Protein backbone atom coordinates (compact mmCIF):
# COMPACT_ATOMS: atom_id res chain seq x y z
CA MET A 1 4.42 2.81 -3.67
CA LEU A 2 6.71 0.01 -5.73
CA LYS A 3 7.29 0.65 -9.47
CA ILE A 4 9.50 -2.16 -11.23
CA LYS A 5 10.78 -2.08 -14.56
CA ASN A 6 12.48 -4.35 -17.44
CA ILE A 7 14.25 -6.17 -13.76
CA GLU A 8 16.81 -9.27 -14.30
CA THR A 9 18.58 -11.16 -12.46
CA ALA A 10 20.68 -14.21 -12.48
CA TYR A 11 22.77 -16.88 -10.70
CA GLY A 12 26.23 -16.48 -12.92
CA ASN A 13 25.37 -17.21 -16.40
CA LEU A 14 21.60 -18.44 -14.90
CA LYS A 15 19.15 -16.07 -15.80
CA VAL A 16 16.08 -16.28 -13.40
CA LEU A 17 14.13 -12.91 -13.96
CA ARG A 18 13.38 -12.00 -17.33
CA ARG A 19 12.21 -8.50 -18.01
CA ILE A 20 9.79 -8.16 -15.37
CA SER A 21 7.91 -4.88 -14.94
CA MET A 22 5.16 -4.65 -12.08
CA HIS A 23 4.08 -2.51 -9.54
CA VAL A 24 2.52 -2.06 -6.09
CA ASP A 25 0.08 0.57 -5.32
CA PRO A 26 -0.29 2.08 -1.28
CA GLY A 27 -2.44 -0.02 0.62
CA GLU A 28 -2.92 -2.68 -1.89
CA ILE A 29 -2.36 -6.69 -1.12
CA VAL A 30 -0.80 -7.83 -4.20
CA THR A 31 0.04 -11.94 -4.55
CA ILE A 32 2.81 -13.38 -7.15
CA ILE A 33 1.90 -16.76 -7.66
CA GLY A 34 3.50 -19.37 -9.39
CA ALA A 35 4.85 -22.72 -9.49
CA ASN A 36 8.51 -23.96 -7.66
CA GLY A 37 11.50 -21.93 -9.40
CA ALA A 38 9.31 -19.79 -11.20
CA GLY A 39 11.75 -16.85 -9.66
CA LYS A 40 9.20 -15.99 -6.99
CA THR A 41 11.88 -15.53 -4.16
CA THR A 42 14.40 -14.48 -6.42
CA LEU A 43 12.37 -11.57 -7.30
CA LEU A 44 11.87 -10.67 -3.37
CA HIS A 45 15.69 -11.10 -2.68
CA THR A 46 16.38 -8.48 -5.72
CA ILE A 47 13.65 -6.22 -4.73
CA CYS A 48 15.35 -6.38 -1.24
CA GLY A 49 18.85 -5.96 -1.52
CA LEU A 50 19.47 -9.44 -1.30
CA LEU A 51 20.20 -9.92 -5.17
CA LYS A 52 21.59 -7.20 -7.08
CA PRO A 53 19.52 -7.30 -10.68
CA ARG A 54 21.39 -7.40 -14.22
CA ALA A 55 19.55 -4.96 -15.83
CA GLY A 56 16.09 -2.50 -15.01
CA GLU A 57 14.68 -0.21 -12.40
CA MET A 58 13.45 -0.49 -9.18
CA VAL A 59 11.92 2.60 -7.29
CA LEU A 60 10.10 2.50 -4.16
CA GLN A 61 8.58 5.75 -3.10
CA GLY A 62 11.12 7.90 -5.45
CA ASN A 63 14.17 5.97 -4.24
CA ASP A 64 16.33 3.66 -6.42
CA LEU A 65 16.14 0.23 -4.85
CA CYS A 66 19.15 -1.46 -7.56
CA ARG A 67 22.45 -0.42 -6.01
CA LEU A 68 21.54 0.01 -1.88
CA SER A 69 22.73 -2.40 0.66
CA PRO A 70 19.13 -4.40 2.58
CA GLU A 71 20.16 -2.18 5.52
CA LYS A 72 19.47 0.88 3.61
CA ILE A 73 16.41 -0.38 1.71
CA VAL A 74 14.77 -1.53 5.15
CA LYS A 75 15.59 2.01 6.23
CA LEU A 76 13.59 3.11 3.07
CA GLY A 77 10.58 1.32 4.74
CA CYS A 78 10.53 -2.33 2.59
CA SER A 79 11.16 -5.42 4.81
CA LEU A 80 11.23 -9.00 4.38
CA VAL A 81 9.26 -12.08 6.35
CA PRO A 82 12.02 -15.01 4.67
CA GLU A 83 10.55 -18.20 3.08
CA GLY A 84 10.83 -21.22 5.69
CA ARG A 85 10.14 -18.28 8.91
CA GLN A 86 14.09 -18.07 9.68
CA VAL A 87 13.77 -17.38 13.52
CA PHE A 88 16.98 -17.16 15.39
CA ALA A 89 16.17 -20.30 16.83
CA THR A 90 18.52 -19.90 20.50
CA MET A 91 17.23 -16.25 21.10
CA ASN A 92 14.00 -15.60 22.66
CA VAL A 93 10.70 -14.25 21.24
CA ARG A 94 11.56 -10.68 22.89
CA GLU A 95 15.03 -11.00 21.56
CA ASN A 96 13.82 -11.72 17.97
CA LEU A 97 11.45 -8.80 17.91
CA ILE A 98 13.68 -6.88 18.68
CA LEU A 99 16.37 -7.48 16.22
CA GLY A 100 13.38 -6.41 13.91
CA ALA A 101 13.82 -2.86 14.70
CA TYR A 102 17.90 -3.16 14.88
CA VAL A 103 17.68 0.37 12.34
CA ARG A 104 15.46 1.92 14.66
CA TYR A 105 16.95 0.37 17.82
CA LYS A 106 20.65 2.31 17.07
CA LYS A 107 18.60 5.85 16.64
CA ASP A 108 15.61 5.73 19.11
CA LYS A 109 15.76 2.77 21.82
CA LYS A 110 13.02 4.29 23.38
CA LYS A 111 10.59 4.60 20.46
CA ALA A 112 11.74 0.76 19.07
CA LEU A 113 10.65 -0.93 22.22
CA ALA A 114 7.32 0.48 22.35
CA GLU A 115 6.66 -0.63 18.66
CA LEU A 116 6.66 -4.31 20.81
CA ASP A 117 3.38 -3.15 22.33
CA LYS A 118 1.84 -3.41 18.80
CA ILE A 119 3.34 -6.54 18.04
CA PHE A 120 1.74 -8.09 21.23
CA ALA A 121 -2.05 -6.75 20.25
CA LEU A 122 -1.57 -7.90 16.80
CA PHE A 123 -0.18 -11.54 17.75
CA PRO A 124 -1.51 -12.24 21.81
CA VAL A 125 0.65 -15.36 21.37
CA LEU A 126 3.80 -13.83 21.08
CA LYS A 127 3.22 -12.11 24.53
CA GLU A 128 2.83 -15.50 26.05
CA ARG A 129 5.72 -16.52 24.73
CA GLU A 130 7.69 -13.55 25.41
CA ASN A 131 10.89 -14.91 27.09
CA GLN A 132 10.43 -18.60 25.37
CA LEU A 133 13.40 -19.58 22.89
CA ALA A 134 12.17 -19.27 18.99
CA GLY A 135 13.23 -22.60 18.16
CA THR A 136 10.70 -24.36 20.75
CA LEU A 137 7.59 -22.54 19.54
CA SER A 138 5.44 -24.24 16.92
CA GLY A 139 5.27 -23.83 13.21
CA GLY A 140 2.79 -21.30 13.29
CA GLU A 141 3.98 -19.52 16.03
CA GLN A 142 7.45 -18.87 14.15
CA GLN A 143 5.87 -17.63 11.47
CA MET A 144 3.92 -15.08 13.18
CA LEU A 145 7.09 -14.35 15.01
CA ALA A 146 8.92 -14.13 11.82
CA MET A 147 5.91 -11.26 10.62
CA GLY A 148 6.01 -9.22 13.69
CA ARG A 149 10.20 -9.22 13.30
CA SER A 150 9.38 -7.91 10.23
CA LEU A 151 6.91 -5.43 11.33
CA MET A 152 9.07 -4.27 13.76
CA ALA A 153 11.05 -1.98 11.33
CA LYS A 154 8.12 0.04 10.50
CA PRO A 155 7.84 -0.85 6.67
CA ALA A 156 5.73 0.87 4.32
CA LEU A 157 5.79 -2.43 2.42
CA ILE A 158 5.85 -5.37 3.77
CA MET A 159 7.20 -8.74 1.30
CA MET A 160 6.06 -12.11 2.88
CA ASP A 161 7.35 -15.64 0.97
CA GLU A 162 5.26 -18.15 1.24
CA PRO A 163 3.75 -17.78 4.70
CA SER A 164 1.51 -20.62 4.56
CA THR A 165 4.57 -23.10 3.98
CA GLY A 166 3.86 -26.13 6.58
CA LEU A 167 1.37 -25.33 8.32
CA ALA A 168 -2.09 -26.83 9.62
CA PRO A 169 -5.05 -25.50 7.32
CA LEU A 170 -6.56 -23.76 10.40
CA ILE A 171 -3.25 -21.84 10.99
CA VAL A 172 -3.11 -20.86 7.15
CA LYS A 173 -6.54 -19.41 7.41
CA ASN A 174 -5.30 -17.80 10.78
CA ILE A 175 -2.12 -16.22 8.88
CA PHE A 176 -4.02 -15.05 5.85
CA GLU A 177 -6.67 -13.27 8.37
CA ILE A 178 -3.74 -11.48 10.19
CA ILE A 179 -2.38 -10.28 6.32
CA VAL A 180 -6.10 -8.72 5.73
CA LYS A 181 -5.59 -6.93 9.35
CA LEU A 182 -2.20 -5.65 7.88
CA LYS A 183 -3.78 -3.71 5.13
CA GLU A 184 -6.88 -2.78 7.05
CA SER A 185 -4.15 -0.94 9.50
CA GLY A 186 -2.83 1.09 6.73
CA ASN A 187 -0.03 -2.09 5.64
CA THR A 188 0.78 -2.67 1.71
CA VAL A 189 1.65 -6.32 1.25
CA LEU A 190 3.20 -7.96 -1.46
CA LEU A 191 2.54 -11.40 -1.01
CA VAL A 192 4.38 -14.53 -2.67
CA GLU A 193 2.25 -17.64 -2.51
CA GLN A 194 1.83 -21.43 -3.60
CA ASN A 195 -1.49 -21.36 -2.33
CA ALA A 196 -2.63 -19.48 -5.27
CA LYS A 197 -6.53 -19.51 -3.96
CA ALA A 198 -6.41 -18.15 -0.55
CA ALA A 199 -3.79 -15.38 -2.35
CA LEU A 200 -5.81 -14.57 -4.95
CA ALA A 201 -9.01 -14.37 -2.47
CA ILE A 202 -7.34 -11.62 -0.08
CA ALA A 203 -5.63 -9.91 -2.92
CA ASP A 204 -6.10 -6.68 -4.68
CA ARG A 205 -4.50 -7.84 -7.73
CA GLY A 206 -2.32 -10.33 -8.82
CA TYR A 207 0.62 -11.28 -11.09
CA VAL A 208 1.42 -15.22 -12.37
CA LEU A 209 5.11 -15.85 -12.72
CA GLU A 210 6.39 -18.57 -15.17
CA THR A 211 10.23 -19.14 -15.60
CA GLY A 212 10.93 -15.67 -14.77
CA LYS A 213 8.43 -14.32 -16.62
CA ILE A 214 5.19 -12.76 -15.78
CA ILE A 215 2.33 -14.31 -18.05
CA VAL A 216 -0.54 -12.71 -16.62
CA GLN A 217 -1.44 -10.18 -14.60
CA GLY A 218 -4.65 -8.61 -13.34
CA PRO A 219 -7.10 -7.76 -10.35
CA ALA A 220 -7.51 -10.87 -8.50
CA GLU A 221 -10.99 -11.87 -9.13
CA ASP A 222 -10.46 -11.93 -13.03
CA LEU A 223 -7.24 -14.28 -11.84
CA LEU A 224 -9.35 -16.60 -9.74
CA ALA A 225 -11.45 -16.50 -12.96
CA ASN A 226 -9.09 -17.23 -15.58
CA ASN A 227 -9.05 -21.07 -17.36
CA ASP A 228 -5.48 -20.82 -17.44
CA VAL A 229 -4.91 -19.74 -14.03
CA GLN A 230 -7.54 -22.39 -12.66
CA ARG A 231 -6.23 -25.28 -14.55
CA ALA A 232 -2.53 -24.52 -13.46
CA TYR A 233 -2.46 -23.02 -10.28
CA LEU A 234 -5.83 -23.29 -8.49
CA GLY A 235 -6.53 -27.63 -9.00
CA ARG A 236 -9.12 -27.55 -11.29
CA GLU A 237 -10.28 -27.92 -14.78
CA ALA A 238 -12.15 -25.11 -16.52
CA VAL A 239 -15.89 -25.88 -17.79
């Protein structure tokens, strides 16, 4: 579905991504783990068009992404749940969700609005809060709203940037259960997470990013058992 080859991205003279190559197959949950500053968010922003790569190739379902605008990339089936939720605080839940379907809403308003029922079925609390201002929701509810907003675009690939940040453990558990449900419903997920253990527990495969380079990759269970990954990212000493 997504193939990336030798991608390099920089902020001015500061090179952040260094010859990144990876892939995501249909129906997978693929996670990217790494410390703060490793380049995880930069990678997602490059894929979705918010940043333009200096070199390399990115192909989504046969389409070259490197020179496309974020809007066109969304139309091709790739959407982002941003770090920190970034909901529109002064708009209500329903309005936030409809904004997620803007590339479809202009073409077929009826079909776009029909997608709301699916989102409310996946996140019942959003139905209860439909007319509530997004800025008054709890952190967990805002995360669900951000996920629902992204799903309103009916993406083939949904990318999530640190969905567990700032949430209580019980809410984090609920969010990860929803991510598994998305896979079971046929969605493909690219997940960036600092909670490496939780991310690898639900993922099919994973990549470890360090200072802009992929240093380890493989099946999630192999990364969970990797001594270096355990020491650096899982908070335990190898025995």
